[in-house]
C-alpha cells in the first residue's frame, strides 16, 4: 500500500483549514448593532451597561466609546484629553481658551487655539460638537 505524500498531506490540511473558516464564519457575530436606538438616545443603566431605556447620559470616555460626540464647550480637560490625537497639552489649551473667550461659537475660534492645525481641527470636528446640551436639547 502506498503512503500519502507531501502533496496529499498539504491538501488535507488545506481542506481542514477551509472547513474551519466556513464554520468560524457561520458562527461569527453579524454586523447588526447591539442597541436598536440612535446614539443620542443611549443611556447607561445602574450597572454601567449601555441601554436604550432609562439611565444616565454617558460622558467622557464612555461617550467616546459609544461613538457619541463631546460638547467642546462643556467637556472637561480630562475628557478632551481622551479624544485620539488631542492629548493633555492641547486639551489644557482648549479649556483655557474657552475660559478666556467664552464658548467657542465657530470652528474658526477652535482653529485659533495654539496647537490646533488642520489635522487636529479635523479630529476635533469628528469627535466634538460646538453646541451645548442646553442650547440644542441634545444629551451630550
Protein backbone atom coordinates (compact mmCIF):
# COMPACT_ATOMS: atom_id res chain seq x y z
CA UNK A 1 0.00 0.00 0.00
CA UNK A 2 1.30 3.40 -0.90
CA UNK A 3 1.77 6.09 1.79
CA UNK A 4 0.37 9.57 1.23
CA UNK A 5 2.95 12.07 0.03
CA UNK A 6 3.52 15.66 0.96
CA UNK A 7 1.02 16.90 -1.59
CA UNK A 8 -1.76 14.74 -0.14
CA UNK A 9 -0.94 15.89 3.41
CA UNK A 10 -0.92 19.54 2.31
CA UNK A 11 -4.25 19.06 0.55
CA UNK A 12 -5.77 17.52 3.69
CA UNK A 13 -4.51 20.38 5.87
CA UNK A 14 -5.82 22.96 3.36
CA UNK A 15 -9.26 21.35 3.31
CA UNK A 16 -9.29 21.28 7.12
CA UNK A 17 -8.43 24.99 7.30
CA UNK A 18 -11.09 25.79 4.71
CA UNK A 19 -13.70 23.87 6.72
CA UNK A 20 -12.60 25.66 9.89
CA UNK A 21 -13.03 29.02 8.12
CA UNK A 22 -16.54 28.11 6.97
CA UNK A 23 -17.56 27.08 10.49
CA UNK A 24 -16.00 30.19 12.04
CA UNK A 25 -17.75 32.49 9.54
CA UNK A 26 -21.11 30.81 10.18
CA UNK A 27 -20.75 31.34 13.93
CA UNK A 28 -19.27 34.89 13.71
CA UNK A 29 -21.47 37.71 15.07
CA UNK A 30 -23.31 39.70 12.46
CA UNK A 31 -22.78 43.41 11.88
CA UNK A 32 -26.18 44.36 13.31
CA UNK A 33 -25.87 46.99 16.09
CA UNK A 34 -26.36 45.73 19.62
CA UNK A 35 -28.70 48.59 20.50
CA UNK A 36 -31.77 49.50 18.49
CA UNK A 37 -31.82 53.23 19.17
CA UNK A 38 -29.99 56.28 17.81
CA UNK A 39 -26.66 57.12 19.53
CA UNK A 40 -28.07 60.21 21.24
CA UNK A 41 -30.72 58.02 22.95
CA UNK A 42 -28.18 55.65 24.54
CA UNK A 43 -28.16 55.68 28.34
CA UNK A 44 -26.19 53.79 31.00
CA UNK A 45 -28.13 51.61 33.41
CA UNK A 46 -27.26 51.21 37.10
CA UNK A 47 -24.63 48.56 36.22
CA UNK A 48 -22.97 50.89 33.71
CA UNK A 49 -24.20 48.97 30.65
CA UNK A 50 -25.41 50.80 27.57
CA UNK A 51 -29.16 50.60 27.02
CA UNK A 52 -31.92 52.29 25.07
CA UNK A 53 -34.03 52.58 28.21
CA UNK A 54 -33.82 54.81 31.24
CA UNK A 55 -30.49 55.70 32.79
CA UNK A 56 -27.79 58.32 32.84
CA UNK A 57 -26.29 60.10 29.87
CA UNK A 58 -22.81 58.73 29.08
CA UNK A 59 -19.99 61.28 29.29
CA UNK A 60 -16.25 61.34 28.73
CA UNK A 61 -14.61 58.05 27.80
CA UNK A 62 -17.92 56.18 27.84
CA UNK A 63 -19.48 58.64 25.41
CA UNK A 64 -16.49 58.40 23.08
CA UNK A 65 -16.53 54.59 23.27
CA UNK A 66 -20.20 54.61 22.25
CA UNK A 67 -19.45 56.86 19.29
CA UNK A 68 -21.05 59.95 20.79
CA UNK A 69 -19.57 63.41 20.36
CA UNK A 70 -18.45 65.53 23.30
CA UNK A 71 -19.62 69.12 23.64
CA UNK A 72 -16.42 71.14 23.19
CA UNK A 73 -18.00 73.97 25.20
CA UNK A 74 -18.75 71.74 28.19
CA UNK A 75 -16.17 68.91 28.14
CA UNK A 76 -13.55 68.89 30.87
CA UNK A 77 -9.83 68.91 30.23
CA UNK A 78 -9.66 65.24 31.20
CA UNK A 79 -12.47 64.33 28.78
CA UNK A 80 -10.90 66.24 25.90
CA UNK A 81 -7.55 64.56 26.54
CA UNK A 82 -9.27 61.23 25.78
CA UNK A 83 -10.02 62.26 22.20
CA UNK A 84 -7.48 60.47 19.99
CA UNK A 85 -4.84 62.90 18.77
CA UNK A 86 -5.65 65.64 21.30
CA UNK A 87 -3.73 64.72 24.44
CA UNK A 88 -3.41 66.61 27.74
CA UNK A 89 -1.49 69.67 26.48
CA UNK A 90 -3.93 70.57 23.72
CA UNK A 91 -6.88 69.75 25.99
CA UNK A 92 -5.50 72.22 28.54
CA UNK A 93 -5.08 74.93 25.87
CA UNK A 94 -8.62 74.35 24.59
CA UNK A 95 -10.13 74.67 28.05
CA UNK A 96 -8.03 77.76 28.82
CA UNK A 97 -9.08 79.40 25.54
CA UNK A 98 -12.72 78.57 26.24
CA UNK A 99 -12.46 80.09 29.74
CA UNK A 100 -10.75 83.24 28.43
CA UNK A 101 -13.00 83.97 25.45
CA UNK A 102 -16.22 82.27 26.46
CA UNK A 103 -17.79 79.47 24.46
CA UNK A 104 -16.49 78.52 21.05
CA UNK A 105 -19.04 79.78 18.54
CA UNK A 106 -17.33 78.59 15.36
CA UNK A 107 -14.63 76.19 14.26
CA UNK A 108 -12.52 79.24 13.41
CA UNK A 109 -12.44 80.02 17.16
CA UNK A 110 -11.14 76.50 17.78
CA UNK A 111 -8.61 76.76 14.95
CA UNK A 112 -7.19 79.93 16.56
CA UNK A 113 -6.12 77.98 19.66
CA UNK A 114 -2.33 77.40 19.60
CA UNK A 115 -1.59 73.80 18.65
CA UNK A 116 -4.74 73.30 16.61
CA UNK A 117 -3.83 72.91 12.98
CA UNK A 118 -5.87 71.48 10.13
CA UNK A 119 -5.35 67.85 11.21
CA UNK A 120 -6.26 68.49 14.87
CA UNK A 121 -9.23 70.59 13.80
CA UNK A 122 -10.47 67.72 11.66
CA UNK A 123 -10.05 65.34 14.61
CA UNK A 124 -11.94 67.71 16.92
CA UNK A 125 -14.75 68.17 14.41
CA UNK A 126 -15.15 64.39 14.20
CA UNK A 127 -15.26 63.87 17.98
CA UNK A 128 -16.91 67.03 19.33
CA UNK A 129 -19.73 69.48 18.72
CA UNK A 130 -19.86 73.19 19.50
CA UNK A 131 -23.44 73.36 20.69
CA UNK A 132 -24.18 72.96 24.38
CA UNK A 133 -26.81 70.49 25.54
CA UNK A 134 -28.93 73.29 26.99
CA UNK A 135 -28.95 75.20 23.72
CA UNK A 136 -29.93 72.28 21.48
CA UNK A 137 -31.86 69.93 23.72
CA UNK A 138 -29.24 67.27 22.97
CA UNK A 139 -27.78 64.98 25.60
CA UNK A 140 -24.05 65.13 25.01
